[in-house]
Amino acid sequence: MSSCCSPSRGDLSSSASATITRSFHTQPTLSAIATRQRTPGEFVDVPAGRFAMGDHHNEGYPKDGETPVHQVALGGFRMQTTTVTNAQFEKFVQATGYRTTAERFGVSAVFYAAFQGQRSDIFNQAASLPWWLAVKGADWLHPHGSASDLTGLDDHPVVHVSWDDATAYCQWAGTRLPTEAEWEYAARGGLQGKRLAWGDELTPDRAWNCNIWQGRFPHENSADDGYLTTAPVKTYRPNGYGLWQMAGNVWERCRDWFEADYYSQTPLSDPDGPASGTRRVLRGGSYLCHDSYCNRYRVAARNSNTPESTSGNIGFRVVADIGCDH
């Protein structure tokens, strides 16, 4: 199952990128990464409670499995108020010498309008996803291609991170990725059954509340919100729990394996996803979401991708158990 929202490595495969793939070496084991007991970031307590998880408005894609709506009870936890930033991820890399999946593969997916580099850097353009380019030298340090860097982007979300990269960061930081249920509960901010993290209306008072595509995707972006790609992590307003940008900007990785029919069999207390799978859950939407083709910035919306896949619109947010020193 490919996704227009976040391409898998297979979507962008070619003979050139396959050569890069064959040179990929073994992922460093998490045990080799020294654990740091405080992560660079702000956290808030998300209280224990119950909520109705899933699509209350019958707007989801059937293949995404956003129904049935079901009651879930969760214990309390702590969540970082923003996605992990470039500056925070850089501290991890400096402390550990970690090299990300995209750096070791040598290629990652970049949105065509954001690409910065030489034409020869483009290995492939997906036939079914022509707005995604497989770009040599694209990684977290070079988010738009080899000619780009992180100048002015310290407070933007880190991107081009795989599920393994995010998990390695958590190992170092003494945190973990949220479960899918924790993510949706936190994103709702105490609002039951709403379409979005702030209510049911996308632009109340004609104001944008999230960084998504404005215009005609994928060729015209009016950038009414001021951003073609990522925005600083504290743009717009936080939700009821004090969490910033739980919709749009970048997809956020969750701990769970993805299964379309999981909601019909999920435990009702602290569910942590299927026991196995081939794809991991993504939540929240990104700067490329638009209601004409991908309305997955809705709070119930689900997406997924393979653990090793990376692109310029996938990041992550971390959580910690209550009582941890964060």
Protein backbone atom coordinates (compact mmCIF):
# COMPACT_ATOMS: atom_id res chain seq x y z
CA MET A 1 0.00 0.00 0.00
CA SER A 2 1.68 3.20 -1.15
CA SER A 3 0.70 6.61 0.13
CA CYS A 4 0.60 9.96 -1.62
CA CYS A 5 1.29 11.50 1.76
CA SER A 6 4.57 9.81 2.64
CA PRO A 7 6.27 7.64 0.01
CA SER A 8 7.87 4.37 0.98
CA ARG A 9 11.36 3.51 -0.19
CA GLY A 10 9.78 1.01 -2.55
CA ASP A 11 7.67 3.72 -4.20
CA LEU A 12 10.85 5.50 -5.26
CA SER A 13 12.99 2.50 -6.12
CA SER A 14 15.03 2.44 -9.33
CA SER A 15 18.18 0.79 -10.61
CA ALA A 16 20.17 3.77 -9.33
CA SER A 17 18.64 3.80 -5.88
CA ALA A 18 18.89 0.01 -5.72
CA THR A 19 22.66 0.39 -6.05
CA ILE A 20 22.59 2.71 -3.05
CA THR A 21 20.41 0.26 -1.15
CA ARG A 22 22.83 -2.61 -1.67
CA SER A 23 25.60 -0.56 -0.06
CA PHE A 24 23.54 -0.07 3.10
CA HIS A 25 25.21 -1.66 6.12
CA THR A 26 23.87 -3.01 9.37
CA GLN A 27 21.91 -0.62 11.57
CA PRO A 28 23.72 0.19 14.84
CA THR A 29 22.15 -1.65 17.73
CA LEU A 30 20.30 0.42 20.31
CA SER A 31 22.46 -1.06 23.04
CA ALA A 32 25.41 0.75 21.47
CA ILE A 33 23.76 4.13 22.02
CA ALA A 34 24.41 5.66 25.43
CA THR A 35 21.21 6.62 27.22
CA ARG A 36 20.80 10.19 28.35
CA GLN A 37 18.26 10.65 31.12
CA ARG A 38 17.03 14.09 30.10
CA THR A 39 15.93 14.97 26.59
CA PRO A 40 16.28 18.51 25.21
CA GLY A 41 12.65 19.60 25.07
CA GLU A 42 9.59 20.76 27.01
CA PHE A 43 7.08 18.22 28.31
CA VAL A 44 3.53 18.45 29.66
CA ASP A 45 1.53 15.95 31.66
CA VAL A 46 -1.32 14.35 29.74
CA PRO A 47 -3.81 13.12 32.35
CA ALA A 48 -5.22 9.62 32.51
CA GLY A 49 -8.68 9.30 31.03
CA ARG A 50 -11.09 7.74 28.56
CA PHE A 51 -11.97 8.88 25.06
CA ALA A 52 -13.82 7.74 21.96
CA MET A 53 -11.09 6.88 19.46
CA GLY A 54 -11.71 6.94 15.71
CA ASP A 55 -13.54 8.80 12.96
CA HIS A 56 -16.74 10.36 14.34
CA HIS A 57 -17.56 12.09 11.03
CA ASN A 58 -17.31 9.25 8.51
CA GLU A 59 -14.60 11.06 6.54
CA GLY A 60 -11.78 8.54 6.56
CA TYR A 61 -10.53 6.30 3.78
CA PRO A 62 -11.81 2.73 4.28
CA LYS A 63 -8.30 1.29 3.80
CA ASP A 64 -7.05 3.41 6.72
CA GLY A 65 -9.28 1.66 9.25
CA GLU A 66 -10.46 4.67 11.26
CA THR A 67 -13.57 2.85 12.45
CA PRO A 68 -15.30 1.58 14.45
CA VAL A 69 -15.23 4.40 16.98
CA HIS A 70 -14.42 2.75 20.30
CA GLN A 71 -13.83 3.73 23.91
CA VAL A 72 -10.22 3.61 25.09
CA ALA A 73 -8.87 4.10 28.61
CA LEU A 74 -5.31 5.35 29.03
CA GLY A 75 -3.00 5.94 31.94
CA GLY A 76 -1.32 9.31 32.25
CA PHE A 77 1.93 10.08 30.45
CA ARG A 78 4.19 12.98 29.57
CA MET A 79 4.48 14.26 26.00
CA GLN A 80 6.92 16.66 24.41
CA THR A 81 5.07 19.87 23.56
CA THR A 82 6.54 19.92 20.04
CA THR A 83 7.97 17.54 17.53
CA VAL A 84 11.70 16.96 17.90
CA THR A 85 13.56 19.87 16.31
CA ASN A 86 16.70 19.96 14.20
CA ALA A 87 18.58 21.51 17.13
CA GLN A 88 17.46 18.75 19.49
CA PHE A 89 18.29 15.99 17.03
CA GLU A 90 21.71 17.54 16.44
CA LYS A 91 22.50 17.21 20.16
CA PHE A 92 21.76 13.49 19.88
CA VAL A 93 23.99 13.10 16.82
CA GLN A 94 26.83 15.04 18.43
CA ALA A 95 26.60 12.93 21.58
CA THR A 96 26.47 9.55 19.83
CA GLY A 97 27.91 9.90 16.33
CA TYR A 98 24.71 8.35 15.01
CA ARG A 99 24.16 8.24 11.23
CA THR A 100 20.57 8.15 10.06
CA THR A 101 19.01 5.68 7.68
CA ALA A 102 18.86 8.31 4.91
CA GLU A 103 22.55 9.13 5.35
CA ARG A 104 23.51 5.47 5.10
CA PHE A 105 21.20 4.71 2.18
CA GLY A 106 22.41 7.89 0.47
CA VAL A 107 18.96 8.84 -0.80
CA SER A 108 15.64 10.11 0.55
CA ALA A 109 12.35 11.50 -0.76
CA VAL A 110 11.99 15.25 -1.40
CA PHE A 111 8.90 17.14 -2.57
CA TYR A 112 9.63 18.34 -6.12
CA ALA A 113 8.92 22.05 -5.46
CA ALA A 114 11.36 22.11 -2.53
CA PHE A 115 14.26 20.35 -4.25
CA GLN A 116 17.68 22.05 -4.08
CA GLY A 117 20.54 20.37 -5.86
CA GLN A 118 21.85 19.22 -9.22
CA ARG A 119 19.62 17.46 -11.71
CA SER A 120 21.99 14.50 -11.50
CA ASP A 121 21.04 14.14 -7.81
CA ILE A 122 17.56 12.93 -8.81
CA PHE A 123 17.59 9.15 -9.05
CA ASN A 124 13.94 8.62 -9.76
CA GLN A 125 10.47 10.15 -9.83
CA ALA A 126 7.68 7.85 -8.76
CA ALA A 127 5.23 7.17 -11.60
CA SER A 128 2.23 7.08 -9.26
CA LEU A 129 3.56 9.85 -6.98
CA PRO A 130 5.22 12.30 -9.42
CA TRP A 131 5.55 15.04 -6.81
CA TRP A 132 8.08 12.89 -4.90
CA LEU A 133 11.72 12.70 -6.01
CA ALA A 134 14.31 10.17 -4.83
CA VAL A 135 17.22 12.53 -4.17
CA LYS A 136 20.86 11.68 -3.57
CA GLY A 137 22.23 13.52 -0.54
CA ALA A 138 18.84 14.36 1.00
CA ASP A 139 18.86 13.74 4.76
CA TRP A 140 18.15 15.51 8.04
CA LEU A 141 21.11 17.88 7.50
CA HIS A 142 20.09 18.56 3.89
CA PRO A 143 16.28 18.49 3.97
CA HIS A 144 15.71 19.66 0.38
CA GLY A 145 18.74 18.06 -1.26
CA SER A 146 22.51 18.37 -1.30
CA ALA A 147 22.44 22.15 -1.93
CA SER A 148 20.32 22.80 1.18
CA ASP A 149 21.27 23.00 4.84
CA LEU A 150 19.75 23.81 8.23
CA THR A 151 20.41 27.56 8.18
CA GLY A 152 17.45 29.19 9.94
CA LEU A 153 15.84 25.81 10.64
CA ASP A 154 16.99 25.06 14.20
CA ASP A 155 13.43 25.34 15.51
CA HIS A 156 11.86 23.41 12.62
CA PRO A 157 11.03 19.70 12.96
CA VAL A 158 13.75 17.26 12.03
CA VAL A 159 12.76 15.31 8.89
CA HIS A 160 14.12 12.42 6.82
CA VAL A 161 14.12 10.26 9.96
CA SER A 162 13.14 6.61 9.82
CA TRP A 163 11.28 4.74 12.55
CA ASP A 164 14.64 3.25 13.54
CA ASP A 165 16.20 6.73 13.78
CA ALA A 166 13.36 7.96 15.98
CA THR A 167 13.66 4.90 18.22
CA ALA A 168 17.43 5.40 18.51
CA TYR A 169 16.86 9.00 19.59
CA CYS A 170 14.40 7.79 22.22
CA GLN A 171 16.94 5.29 23.53
CA TRP A 172 19.45 8.11 23.99
CA ALA A 173 16.93 10.52 25.46
CA GLY A 174 15.29 8.11 27.89
CA THR A 175 11.93 8.50 26.15
CA ARG A 176 9.80 6.47 23.74
CA LEU A 177 7.49 6.96 20.79
CA PRO A 178 3.81 7.37 21.69
CA THR A 179 1.35 4.60 21.01
CA GLU A 180 -1.25 5.48 18.41
CA ALA A 181 -3.93 5.70 21.09
CA GLU A 182 -1.79 8.01 23.22
CA TRP A 183 -1.15 10.19 20.20
CA GLU A 184 -4.83 10.62 19.29
CA TYR A 185 -5.88 11.16 22.90
CA ALA A 186 -3.22 13.84 23.32
CA ALA A 187 -4.00 15.44 19.95
CA ARG A 188 -7.64 15.88 20.93
CA GLY A 189 -6.54 18.00 23.87
CA GLY A 190 -9.63 17.12 25.90
CA LEU A 191 -12.10 17.70 23.03
CA GLN A 192 -14.34 14.68 22.54
CA GLY A 193 -15.41 13.66 19.05
CA LYS A 194 -14.11 16.70 17.20
CA ARG A 195 -12.88 16.63 13.63
CA LEU A 196 -9.69 18.59 14.27
CA ALA A 197 -7.35 19.25 17.19
CA TRP A 198 -9.07 22.60 17.83
CA GLY A 199 -12.70 21.86 16.85
CA ASP A 200 -14.72 21.04 13.75
CA GLU A 201 -13.97 24.04 11.51
CA LEU A 202 -10.69 24.16 9.56
CA THR A 203 -10.27 27.95 9.56
CA PRO A 204 -12.34 29.51 12.35
CA ASP A 205 -12.36 33.30 11.99
CA ARG A 206 -10.65 32.68 8.61
CA ALA A 207 -7.37 31.95 10.38
CA TRP A 208 -5.12 28.98 9.68
CA ASN A 209 -4.49 26.70 12.65
CA CYS A 210 -2.09 24.30 10.97
CA ASN A 211 0.53 24.10 8.22
CA ILE A 212 -1.10 22.28 5.30
CA TRP A 213 -1.32 22.88 1.54
CA GLN A 214 -3.31 25.89 0.36
CA GLY A 215 -4.19 26.04 -3.31
CA ARG A 216 -4.44 23.30 -5.96
CA PHE A 217 -2.25 20.33 -5.11
CA PRO A 218 0.41 19.65 -6.26
CA HIS A 219 1.04 22.53 -8.66
CA GLU A 220 -0.24 25.67 -6.93
CA ASN A 221 0.49 26.56 -3.32
CA SER A 222 -0.62 30.04 -2.33
CA ALA A 223 1.24 29.58 0.98
CA ASP A 224 -1.44 31.59 2.78
CA ASP A 225 -0.01 30.28 6.05
CA GLY A 226 3.46 31.49 5.06
CA TYR A 227 5.15 28.13 4.48
CA LEU A 228 5.88 25.93 1.47
CA THR A 229 7.39 23.18 3.61
CA THR A 230 7.98 23.02 7.38
CA ALA A 231 7.11 25.74 9.87
CA PRO A 232 8.78 26.37 13.24
CA VAL A 233 7.42 23.90 15.79
CA LYS A 234 5.75 26.61 17.88
CA THR A 235 3.75 28.17 15.07
CA TYR A 236 -0.03 28.62 15.53
CA ARG A 237 -1.56 27.83 18.94
CA PRO A 238 -1.18 24.82 21.25
CA ASN A 239 -4.16 22.58 21.94
CA GLY A 240 -5.93 22.08 25.24
CA TYR A 241 -3.05 20.06 26.69
CA GLY A 242 -0.41 22.58 25.62
CA LEU A 243 0.79 20.57 22.60
CA TRP A 244 1.84 22.43 19.47
CA GLN A 245 0.97 21.43 15.90
CA MET A 246 -0.75 18.10 16.36
CA ALA A 247 -2.07 18.66 12.82
CA GLY A 248 -0.03 19.40 9.71
CA ASN A 249 3.62 20.39 9.43
CA VAL A 250 5.14 16.88 9.57
CA TRP A 251 3.85 13.36 10.00
CA GLU A 252 4.60 12.02 13.47
CA ARG A 253 5.79 8.46 14.02
CA CYS A 254 4.05 6.21 16.51
CA ARG A 255 5.28 3.03 18.16
CA ASP A 256 2.54 0.76 16.75
CA TRP A 257 2.55 -1.55 13.80
CA PHE A 258 -0.26 -0.64 11.40
CA GLU A 259 -3.20 -2.91 10.69
CA ALA A 260 -6.34 -1.62 8.94
CA ASP A 261 -8.76 -3.74 11.01
CA TYR A 262 -7.07 -3.23 14.36
CA TYR A 263 -9.90 -1.09 15.76
CA SER A 264 -12.27 -4.05 15.58
CA GLN A 265 -10.04 -6.09 17.89
CA THR A 266 -8.15 -3.54 19.97
CA PRO A 267 -7.92 -3.83 23.77
CA LEU A 268 -9.91 -1.12 25.51
CA SER A 269 -7.17 -0.20 27.99
CA ASP A 270 -3.74 1.10 26.95
CA PRO A 271 -3.69 -0.53 23.48
CA ASP A 272 -0.22 -0.73 21.94
CA GLY A 273 -1.03 -1.97 18.45
CA PRO A 274 -0.70 -5.30 16.62
CA ALA A 275 2.04 -7.71 17.66
CA SER A 276 3.74 -7.54 14.26
CA GLY A 277 3.46 -6.02 10.82
CA THR A 278 5.30 -4.47 7.89
CA ARG A 279 4.37 -0.80 8.33
CA ARG A 280 4.40 1.57 11.30
CA VAL A 281 1.71 4.12 12.12
CA LEU A 282 2.05 7.77 11.15
CA ARG A 283 -0.25 10.44 12.53
CA GLY A 284 -1.12 14.12 12.15
CA GLY A 285 -0.67 14.94 8.47
CA SER A 286 1.96 17.22 6.96
CA TYR A 287 2.50 20.42 5.01
CA LEU A 288 1.40 18.52 1.87
CA CYS A 289 -2.06 17.53 3.12
CA HIS A 290 -5.09 19.00 1.36
CA ASP A 291 -8.74 18.00 1.58
CA SER A 292 -8.87 17.41 -2.19
CA TYR A 293 -6.68 14.30 -1.96
CA CYS A 294 -5.36 13.74 1.58
CA ASN A 295 -7.43 15.02 4.45
CA ARG A 296 -5.35 13.17 7.00
CA TYR A 297 -4.74 16.25 9.14
CA ARG A 298 -7.99 15.26 10.88
CA VAL A 299 -7.37 14.13 14.43
CA ALA A 300 -8.68 10.58 13.79
CA ALA A 301 -6.82 10.12 10.50
CA ARG A 302 -4.37 7.24 10.17
CA ASN A 303 -1.46 6.67 7.82
CA SER A 304 1.49 4.27 7.75
CA ASN A 305 4.84 3.60 6.15
CA THR A 306 7.64 1.07 6.27
CA PRO A 307 10.07 1.52 9.17
CA GLU A 308 13.05 2.32 6.94
CA SER A 309 11.28 4.88 4.73
CA THR A 310 12.26 8.54 4.98
CA SER A 311 11.02 11.76 3.41
CA GLY A 312 11.01 15.50 3.86
CA ASN A 313 7.65 15.50 5.64
CA ILE A 314 8.11 12.83 8.34
CA GLY A 315 9.29 13.66 11.86
CA PHE A 316 8.41 12.49 15.37
CA ARG A 317 7.41 13.52 18.89
CA VAL A 318 8.35 11.66 22.06
CA VAL A 319 6.66 10.71 25.33
CA ALA A 320 7.81 9.61 28.76
CA ASP A 321 6.15 7.86 31.64
CA ILE A 322 4.82 9.91 34.53
CA GLY A 323 7.56 10.32 37.13
CA CYS A 324 10.43 10.46 34.60
CA ASP A 325 12.69 13.46 35.00
CA HIS A 326 11.82 15.40 31.84
